[in-house]
Amino acid sequence: MHATTFLALALSATGVLGHGFITSPTPRLPGPNYLAACGTTISNTQEADKGGNIQDLLNKRDSGFDPAKCNLWLCKGYQAEAGAPVLGLRPGQVLPIQFDIRAPHTGTANMSVVDLKTNTVIGKELIYFADFASTHHTIPDSNRNFQVTIPDLGNKCAAAGDCTLQFYWDSREANQTYESCIDFTQSGSAAPAPAPEPTTTAEDAPAMTTPAMPPTVPTTPPVIPEAPPAPSPTSIDSAPSETTTPAAPIATPTTAPSTAGRDCTVLVPQCWAATQKCWDDSQAVFASKGVAAGQSAQAVCGKMAEGCQNLNCSWTLTGRKLRA
């Protein structure tokens, strides 16, 4: 296993990964169509850690990546897969959402209805978070469990593949972006009531005005500044010891799991599971010891996350590839 050596680990460091995704209702998941569209490297990465960020995937485009089919800025490139669930939603229906924040990074987030054919937002966003997955205070439960009300979409989302509910989380603190999508259809939209007969003459009727059109929703992804060169990786066994002690140490491992076997399909999920426990425990430190202690505890988790990003493992098993 390799980990990047930190000269200083501050809470605002941009190299530490944050991870998150929708767990309920069942979102789009990696499958054969994703592999065919986005290539082996991206597909394997998301199979092991579907909470990863778009910027990381942009660096993992290989010869199998098809830019005409794999738009990483729409549902992280995930495709509609055979047999995957498609919700049937009614106008006015309240839909509970559960989101797994595996590693927090302060940012903003929203959920919107997206037209899959044009990659544009339909109407207004359904919910907006001005402060999402903060590393500066205890994360409220409303970031992980919330509800959205489904608008009347007319006939825009009548068929599977027309629309999706996309959750978009962007952290400028970490320069990382995450997306999760829920496929759905809507039927039974309420028909508008017939207009009453006019009771005034043409001369008496008030002049009609045309309401202003809503602003166009930008669809171009944000320009991501070029990251500085990463320091050379060093063995975690020989990494220098911490020069400072966290104000409130927590009972979590300070290194990622062993790389015995060096199989990424095993090691990567194990590493992020250990990191997730560290983040969860750090939230308790925020509540019991205060902000300074919580930030020190999260610094330990950040170093674990960096180690998970630099695991020395292989996506290829002896004698055969994981994916064709």
Foldseek 3Di string as FASTA:
>chain_A
DWFFFDPDQALLDQLFWWFKEWDPPDFQAQDPVLCQAQHDQLSLVCLQGVRGFLVVSVVRGDPSHHVVQADCLPQRRGDDDPPDDAAEDEAFDKGKIFMDTLAAAWWKKFKFKAFQVVRFGDDDTQDIGGTERYLQFQGDCCNGIHIGTHHQPDQQFADWNGIWIKMWTAHPSNLTIGIIIHHYGYDDRDDDDDDDDDPDDPVPDDDDDDDDDDDGDDRDDDDRDDDPDGPDIDHPVPHDDDPDDQPAEDPADLAFDDCVVQASSPRLNRLSVSLSVQLVRLSVCCVPPNRRNSRSSSSSSSSSSSNSVVRRGDQQDPPGHPPD
